[in-house]
Protein backbone atom coordinates (compact mmCIF):
# COMPACT_ATOMS: atom_id res chain seq x y z
CA MET A 1 -24.26 91.03 155.85
CA VAL A 2 -26.75 90.28 158.22
CA ASN A 3 -24.78 92.36 161.19
CA ALA A 4 -24.64 95.07 158.86
CA VAL A 5 -28.49 95.28 157.89
CA MET A 6 -29.45 94.93 161.22
CA ALA A 7 -27.47 98.18 162.44
CA MET A 8 -29.31 100.03 159.79
CA TYR A 9 -32.21 99.35 161.91
CA VAL A 10 -31.16 100.35 165.91
CA GLY A 11 -33.11 103.06 166.80
CA ALA A 12 -35.68 102.70 164.19
CA GLN A 13 -38.67 104.46 164.37
CA THR A 14 -42.24 105.30 163.14
CA VAL A 15 -45.52 106.92 163.48
CA GLY A 16 -48.94 105.01 163.05
CA ARG A 17 -50.88 107.61 160.25
CA THR A 18 -54.73 107.96 160.75
CA THR A 19 -57.37 110.22 159.46
CA GLU A 20 -57.26 111.38 163.04
CA GLY A 21 -53.89 112.68 162.79
CA ASP A 22 -50.27 110.73 163.43
CA SER A 23 -49.55 108.59 166.99
CA LYS A 24 -46.52 109.86 168.33
CA ALA A 25 -43.48 108.07 167.58
CA PHE A 26 -42.52 104.33 168.80
CA ASN A 27 -39.61 102.23 168.07
CA VAL A 28 -39.79 99.39 165.44
CA LYS A 29 -38.20 96.02 166.60
CA VAL A 30 -39.02 93.43 164.21
CA GLY A 31 -39.74 93.23 160.56
CA LEU A 32 -38.47 95.04 157.64
CA HIS A 33 -39.61 98.26 157.27
CA GLN A 34 -42.50 98.57 154.17
CA GLN A 35 -41.01 100.39 150.90
CA SER A 36 -37.74 99.97 152.43
CA VAL A 37 -34.67 100.25 149.86
CA LEU A 38 -33.74 96.87 151.25
CA SER A 39 -36.84 94.99 150.34
CA GLY A 40 -34.71 94.11 146.90
CA SER A 41 -31.55 93.36 148.70
CA VAL A 42 -33.51 91.20 151.04
CA VAL A 43 -35.11 88.93 148.35
CA ILE A 44 -31.49 87.88 147.44
CA VAL A 45 -29.79 87.58 150.67
CA MET A 46 -32.64 85.71 151.54
CA GLU A 47 -32.28 83.32 148.82
CA ILE A 48 -28.58 82.75 149.26
CA ILE A 49 -28.28 82.04 153.21
CA THR A 50 -31.63 79.86 152.88
CA ARG A 51 -30.18 77.48 150.03
CA GLU A 52 -29.19 74.43 151.77
CA LEU A 53 -32.81 74.99 153.33
CA GLN A 54 -34.77 74.58 150.44
CA ALA A 55 -36.77 71.94 149.03
CA GLY A 56 -37.96 74.15 146.41
CA LEU A 57 -41.69 75.07 145.00
CA PRO A 58 -44.23 74.35 145.75
CA LEU A 59 -43.55 73.22 148.89
CA GLU A 60 -41.60 75.88 149.86
CA ILE A 61 -42.11 80.00 149.00
CA LEU A 62 -39.98 82.49 150.42
CA TYR A 63 -40.75 86.12 149.47
CA ALA A 64 -38.76 88.70 150.99
CA ASP A 65 -38.93 88.38 154.82
CA ASP A 66 -41.98 86.03 154.64
CA LEU A 67 -42.00 82.05 154.29
CA ILE A 68 -45.12 79.65 153.48
CA LEU A 69 -43.77 76.44 153.91
CA MET A 70 -46.11 73.56 153.26
CA ALA A 71 -46.66 69.66 153.83
CA GLU A 72 -48.35 66.35 153.69
CA SER A 73 -48.88 66.06 156.95
CA GLU A 74 -48.61 68.00 160.46
CA GLU A 75 -45.74 66.26 162.02
CA SER A 76 -43.70 67.01 158.75
CA LEU A 77 -44.97 70.25 158.76
CA ARG A 78 -43.66 70.66 162.11
CA ASP A 79 -40.17 69.25 161.51
CA LYS A 80 -39.76 71.84 158.35
CA ILE A 81 -40.68 74.73 160.82
CA VAL A 82 -37.97 73.70 163.35
CA LYS A 83 -35.52 72.80 160.46
CA TRP A 84 -36.17 76.61 158.89
CA LYS A 85 -35.90 78.04 162.50
CA SER A 86 -32.48 76.43 163.52
CA GLY A 87 -31.25 76.95 159.63
CA LEU A 88 -31.99 80.40 159.63
CA GLU A 89 -30.82 80.79 163.17
CA ALA A 90 -27.14 79.58 162.55
CA LYS A 91 -27.23 82.24 159.77
CA GLY A 92 -28.46 85.27 162.47
CA VAL A 93 -31.78 85.15 161.02
CA LYS A 94 -34.72 85.01 163.80
CA MET A 95 -37.67 83.40 162.99
CA ASN A 96 -40.67 84.93 164.24
CA THR A 97 -42.91 81.83 164.77
CA GLY A 98 -45.39 83.74 166.97
CA ASN A 99 -46.79 84.64 163.25
CA THR A 100 -46.56 81.05 162.55
CA VAL A 101 -50.40 79.64 161.64
CA VAL A 102 -51.04 75.95 160.59
CA VAL A 103 -53.66 75.18 158.13
């Protein structure tokens, strides 16, 4: 399933729109395209492939391709991030830790 979705994104391009006009087209290499017909499907697929990782609300919130993890301590949170990252990668899904913020 992951490979089928990834194949749909090969060579995907987009443009930025401003009041000054559109930018030149550029490749989109990560993320779910906004308003994609896949948005609803991603929710279902992510629910299925993450079942074994989930501890449940309110400590984890999964929405489309976004994930919120909560924990009692920073150490516990880091452990959760590692668990989710390795669990997702085992299913062929990359977790972008570059956007990770600890609050």
